[in-house]
Amino acid sequence: MRAQDIVIRPIITEKSMLGIAEKKYTFEVAKSATKIDIARAVEELFKVKVAKVNTVHVRGHLRRQGRFEGYTRAWKKAYVTLTADSKTIEFFEGMM
């Protein structure tokens, strides 16, 4: 898989923005990606050094529209922590 196929999109929330000060970034990633795959993809895409990767499987939520109901899609979230000597990811700097 290419790095662009592994890292799908960044997660931009208040909670994820608080982690940027500690060089912790949050991404939506491919469900089949391993922690090693995610670390390599982030290093390749953003030219940074990854210290560790934590992953979470996010289950789909039940949603209703009138009498119809269904589940939102399930996806995988990755918390990527960079090393202390690594540079920051510029994309997130504009969000602060």
N, C-alpha and C. Protein backbone atom coordinates (compact mmCIF):
# COMPACT_ATOMS: atom_id res chain seq x y z
N MET A 1 0.84 -1.19 0.00
CA MET A 1 0.00 0.00 0.00
C MET A 1 0.88 1.25 0.00
N ARG A 2 0.40 2.29 -0.68
CA ARG A 2 1.10 3.56 -0.68
C ARG A 2 0.80 4.31 0.62
N ALA A 3 1.65 5.26 0.95
CA ALA A 3 1.46 6.05 2.17
C ALA A 3 0.15 6.83 2.12
N GLN A 4 -0.23 7.30 0.92
CA GLN A 4 -1.49 8.05 0.78
C GLN A 4 -2.70 7.15 1.02
N ASP A 5 -2.56 5.84 0.78
CA ASP A 5 -3.67 4.92 1.01
C ASP A 5 -3.80 4.56 2.49
N ILE A 6 -2.72 4.67 3.24
CA ILE A 6 -2.74 4.30 4.66
C ILE A 6 -3.28 5.45 5.50
N VAL A 7 -2.73 6.66 5.34
CA VAL A 7 -3.21 7.83 6.09
C VAL A 7 -4.30 8.47 5.25
N ILE A 8 -5.54 8.36 5.72
CA ILE A 8 -6.69 8.84 4.95
C ILE A 8 -6.91 10.34 5.16
N ARG A 9 -6.98 10.78 6.43
CA ARG A 9 -7.20 12.20 6.71
C ARG A 9 -6.80 12.50 8.15
N PRO A 10 -6.46 13.76 8.43
CA PRO A 10 -6.19 14.15 9.83
C PRO A 10 -7.52 14.37 10.57
N ILE A 11 -7.50 14.16 11.86
CA ILE A 11 -8.68 14.40 12.69
C ILE A 11 -8.49 15.76 13.35
N ILE A 12 -9.40 16.70 13.06
CA ILE A 12 -9.31 18.06 13.58
C ILE A 12 -10.44 18.27 14.58
N THR A 13 -10.14 18.07 15.87
CA THR A 13 -11.10 18.32 16.94
C THR A 13 -10.40 19.09 18.04
N GLU A 14 -11.17 19.59 19.01
CA GLU A 14 -10.55 20.32 20.12
C GLU A 14 -9.59 19.42 20.88
N LYS A 15 -10.00 18.18 21.12
CA LYS A 15 -9.17 17.25 21.88
C LYS A 15 -7.88 16.92 21.13
N SER A 16 -7.98 16.70 19.82
CA SER A 16 -6.78 16.37 19.05
C SER A 16 -5.84 17.57 18.94
N MET A 17 -6.38 18.78 18.95
CA MET A 17 -5.54 19.98 18.87
C MET A 17 -4.74 20.20 20.15
N LEU A 18 -5.26 19.74 21.29
CA LEU A 18 -4.53 19.88 22.55
C LEU A 18 -3.27 19.01 22.56
N GLY A 19 -3.28 17.91 21.82
CA GLY A 19 -2.13 17.03 21.78
C GLY A 19 -0.97 17.54 20.96
N ILE A 20 -1.21 18.53 20.11
CA ILE A 20 -0.15 19.04 19.22
C ILE A 20 1.01 19.63 20.02
N ALA A 21 0.72 20.22 21.18
CA ALA A 21 1.78 20.79 22.02
C ALA A 21 2.77 19.71 22.46
N GLU A 22 2.30 18.46 22.61
CA GLU A 22 3.15 17.35 23.02
C GLU A 22 3.59 16.50 21.83
N LYS A 23 3.41 17.03 20.61
CA LYS A 23 3.76 16.34 19.36
C LYS A 23 2.98 15.04 19.19
N LYS A 24 1.68 15.09 19.53
CA LYS A 24 0.79 13.95 19.32
C LYS A 24 -0.24 14.36 18.27
N TYR A 25 -0.33 13.59 17.20
CA TYR A 25 -1.22 13.91 16.09
C TYR A 25 -2.19 12.76 15.88
N THR A 26 -3.39 13.08 15.40
CA THR A 26 -4.44 12.09 15.23
C THR A 26 -4.83 12.00 13.76
N PHE A 27 -4.95 10.76 13.25
CA PHE A 27 -5.29 10.53 11.85
C PHE A 27 -6.32 9.42 11.73
N GLU A 28 -7.14 9.51 10.67
CA GLU A 28 -7.94 8.36 10.26
C GLU A 28 -7.05 7.54 9.32
N VAL A 29 -6.99 6.24 9.56
CA VAL A 29 -6.11 5.38 8.77
C VAL A 29 -6.90 4.21 8.20
N ALA A 30 -6.28 3.51 7.25
CA ALA A 30 -6.90 2.32 6.65
C ALA A 30 -7.10 1.25 7.71
N LYS A 31 -8.23 0.53 7.65
CA LYS A 31 -8.55 -0.46 8.66
C LYS A 31 -7.54 -1.61 8.69
N SER A 32 -6.93 -1.89 7.55
CA SER A 32 -6.00 -3.02 7.48
C SER A 32 -4.56 -2.63 7.83
N ALA A 33 -4.29 -1.35 8.07
CA ALA A 33 -2.93 -0.87 8.33
C ALA A 33 -2.47 -1.27 9.73
N THR A 34 -1.21 -1.70 9.84
CA THR A 34 -0.62 -2.01 11.14
C THR A 34 0.07 -0.76 11.69
N LYS A 35 0.50 -0.83 12.95
CA LYS A 35 1.18 0.31 13.56
C LYS A 35 2.47 0.63 12.81
N ILE A 36 3.18 -0.40 12.38
CA ILE A 36 4.43 -0.19 11.63
C ILE A 36 4.14 0.48 10.29
N ASP A 37 3.08 0.04 9.59
CA ASP A 37 2.68 0.66 8.33
C ASP A 37 2.36 2.14 8.53
N ILE A 38 1.63 2.45 9.61
CA ILE A 38 1.21 3.82 9.89
C ILE A 38 2.44 4.69 10.18
N ALA A 39 3.37 4.18 10.98
CA ALA A 39 4.58 4.94 11.31
C ALA A 39 5.39 5.25 10.05
N ARG A 40 5.57 4.26 9.19
CA ARG A 40 6.33 4.48 7.95
C ARG A 40 5.62 5.49 7.05
N ALA A 41 4.29 5.40 6.95
CA ALA A 41 3.53 6.30 6.08
C ALA A 41 3.64 7.75 6.57
N VAL A 42 3.52 7.97 7.88
CA VAL A 42 3.60 9.33 8.43
C VAL A 42 5.01 9.88 8.23
N GLU A 43 6.03 9.05 8.45
CA GLU A 43 7.41 9.50 8.24
C GLU A 43 7.65 9.88 6.79
N GLU A 44 7.09 9.10 5.86
CA GLU A 44 7.28 9.38 4.43
C GLU A 44 6.52 10.62 3.99
N LEU A 45 5.27 10.76 4.44
CA LEU A 45 4.43 11.88 3.99
C LEU A 45 4.88 13.23 4.57
N PHE A 46 5.23 13.25 5.85
CA PHE A 46 5.49 14.52 6.53
C PHE A 46 6.97 14.75 6.86
N LYS A 47 7.85 13.80 6.53
CA LYS A 47 9.29 13.93 6.77
C LYS A 47 9.59 14.20 8.25
N VAL A 48 9.02 13.37 9.14
CA VAL A 48 9.22 13.48 10.59
C VAL A 48 9.67 12.13 11.13
N LYS A 49 10.04 12.09 12.42
CA LYS A 49 10.43 10.84 13.08
C LYS A 49 9.34 10.45 14.07
N VAL A 50 8.83 9.22 13.94
CA VAL A 50 7.73 8.75 14.78
C VAL A 50 8.30 7.96 15.96
N ALA A 51 7.85 8.30 17.18
CA ALA A 51 8.28 7.58 18.38
C ALA A 51 7.38 6.38 18.62
N LYS A 52 6.04 6.59 18.57
CA LYS A 52 5.12 5.48 18.78
C LYS A 52 3.77 5.76 18.14
N VAL A 53 3.01 4.69 17.95
CA VAL A 53 1.69 4.77 17.33
C VAL A 53 0.71 3.97 18.18
N ASN A 54 -0.40 4.59 18.54
CA ASN A 54 -1.50 3.89 19.22
C ASN A 54 -2.69 3.89 18.28
N THR A 55 -3.43 2.78 18.22
CA THR A 55 -4.57 2.70 17.31
C THR A 55 -5.84 2.36 18.07
N VAL A 56 -6.97 2.79 17.50
CA VAL A 56 -8.29 2.53 18.07
C VAL A 56 -9.24 2.20 16.93
N HIS A 57 -10.04 1.15 17.09
CA HIS A 57 -11.11 0.86 16.13
C HIS A 57 -12.35 1.60 16.61
N VAL A 58 -12.87 2.52 15.79
CA VAL A 58 -14.06 3.30 16.12
C VAL A 58 -15.27 2.60 15.53
N ARG A 59 -16.18 2.17 16.39
CA ARG A 59 -17.37 1.46 15.92
C ARG A 59 -18.37 2.44 15.34
N GLY A 60 -19.19 1.97 14.40
CA GLY A 60 -20.22 2.81 13.81
C GLY A 60 -21.31 3.12 14.82
N HIS A 61 -21.87 4.33 14.76
CA HIS A 61 -22.92 4.75 15.67
C HIS A 61 -24.28 4.56 15.01
N LEU A 62 -25.28 4.23 15.81
CA LEU A 62 -26.64 4.10 15.31
C LEU A 62 -27.22 5.49 15.06
N ARG A 63 -27.73 5.72 13.86
CA ARG A 63 -28.32 7.01 13.49
C ARG A 63 -29.71 6.76 12.92
N ARG A 64 -30.64 7.68 13.21
CA ARG A 64 -32.00 7.55 12.71
C ARG A 64 -32.38 8.78 11.92
N GLN A 65 -33.14 8.55 10.85
CA GLN A 65 -33.75 9.64 10.08
C GLN A 65 -35.21 9.26 9.92
N GLY A 66 -36.06 9.80 10.80
CA GLY A 66 -37.46 9.43 10.78
C GLY A 66 -37.63 7.97 11.18
N ARG A 67 -38.28 7.18 10.30
CA ARG A 67 -38.49 5.77 10.63
C ARG A 67 -37.36 4.87 10.15
N PHE A 68 -36.37 5.43 9.47
CA PHE A 68 -35.24 4.65 8.96
C PHE A 68 -34.06 4.78 9.92
N GLU A 69 -33.37 3.68 10.13
CA GLU A 69 -32.20 3.73 10.97
C GLU A 69 -31.09 2.86 10.39
N GLY A 70 -29.87 3.22 10.72
CA GLY A 70 -28.72 2.47 10.25
C GLY A 70 -27.48 2.89 11.02
N TYR A 71 -26.39 2.29 10.69
CA TYR A 71 -25.14 2.58 11.38
C TYR A 71 -24.20 3.39 10.48
N THR A 72 -23.46 4.32 11.09
CA THR A 72 -22.41 5.01 10.37
C THR A 72 -21.27 4.00 10.18
N ARG A 73 -20.36 4.31 9.29
CA ARG A 73 -19.30 3.35 9.00
C ARG A 73 -18.32 3.25 10.17
N ALA A 74 -17.73 2.07 10.33
CA ALA A 74 -16.68 1.87 11.32
C ALA A 74 -15.35 2.25 10.67
N TRP A 75 -14.40 2.77 11.47
CA TRP A 75 -13.12 3.20 10.93
C TRP A 75 -12.04 3.05 11.99
N LYS A 76 -10.80 3.30 11.60
CA LYS A 76 -9.66 3.14 12.48
C LYS A 76 -8.97 4.49 12.69
N LYS A 77 -8.65 4.78 13.95
CA LYS A 77 -8.00 6.03 14.32
C LYS A 77 -6.60 5.72 14.84
N ALA A 78 -5.63 6.56 14.50
CA ALA A 78 -4.26 6.38 14.97
C ALA A 78 -3.78 7.64 15.66
N TYR A 79 -3.22 7.45 16.86
CA TYR A 79 -2.56 8.54 17.59
C TYR A 79 -1.07 8.37 17.36
N VAL A 80 -0.44 9.33 16.69
CA VAL A 80 0.98 9.25 16.34
C VAL A 80 1.75 10.24 17.20
N THR A 81 2.73 9.72 17.96
CA THR A 81 3.59 10.56 18.79
C THR A 81 4.95 10.67 18.11
N LEU A 82 5.43 11.90 17.95
CA LEU A 82 6.73 12.13 17.32
C LEU A 82 7.84 12.16 18.37
N THR A 83 9.07 11.94 17.93
CA THR A 83 10.20 12.01 18.85
C THR A 83 10.44 13.46 19.26
N ALA A 84 11.14 13.65 20.38
CA ALA A 84 11.37 15.01 20.90
C ALA A 84 12.19 15.86 19.95
N ASP A 85 13.13 15.24 19.20
CA ASP A 85 13.98 16.02 18.29
C ASP A 85 13.40 16.16 16.89
N SER A 86 12.23 15.59 16.65
CA SER A 86 11.60 15.67 15.33
C SER A 86 10.95 17.03 15.13
N LYS A 87 10.86 17.46 13.87
CA LYS A 87 10.16 18.72 13.58
C LYS A 87 8.66 18.46 13.62
N THR A 88 7.87 19.52 13.73
CA THR A 88 6.42 19.39 13.80
C THR A 88 5.84 19.23 12.40
N ILE A 89 4.57 18.86 12.33
CA ILE A 89 3.88 18.74 11.04
C ILE A 89 3.25 20.10 10.73
N GLU A 90 3.67 20.72 9.63
CA GLU A 90 3.25 22.09 9.31
C GLU A 90 1.75 22.20 9.08
N PHE A 91 1.13 21.14 8.56
CA PHE A 91 -0.32 21.19 8.27
C PHE A 91 -1.12 21.59 9.50
N PHE A 92 -0.76 21.05 10.66
CA PHE A 92 -1.51 21.32 11.89
C PHE A 92 -1.20 22.69 12.48
N GLU A 93 -0.05 23.28 12.12
CA GLU A 93 0.32 24.57 12.69
C GLU A 93 -0.64 25.67 12.30
N GLY A 94 -1.22 25.58 11.09
CA GLY A 94 -2.17 26.59 10.64
C GLY A 94 -3.50 26.53 11.36
N MET A 95 -3.76 25.42 12.05
CA MET A 95 -5.04 25.23 12.76
C MET A 95 -5.07 25.91 14.11
N MET A 96 -3.91 26.17 14.67
CA MET A 96 -3.83 26.72 16.04
C MET A 96 -4.20 28.19 16.05
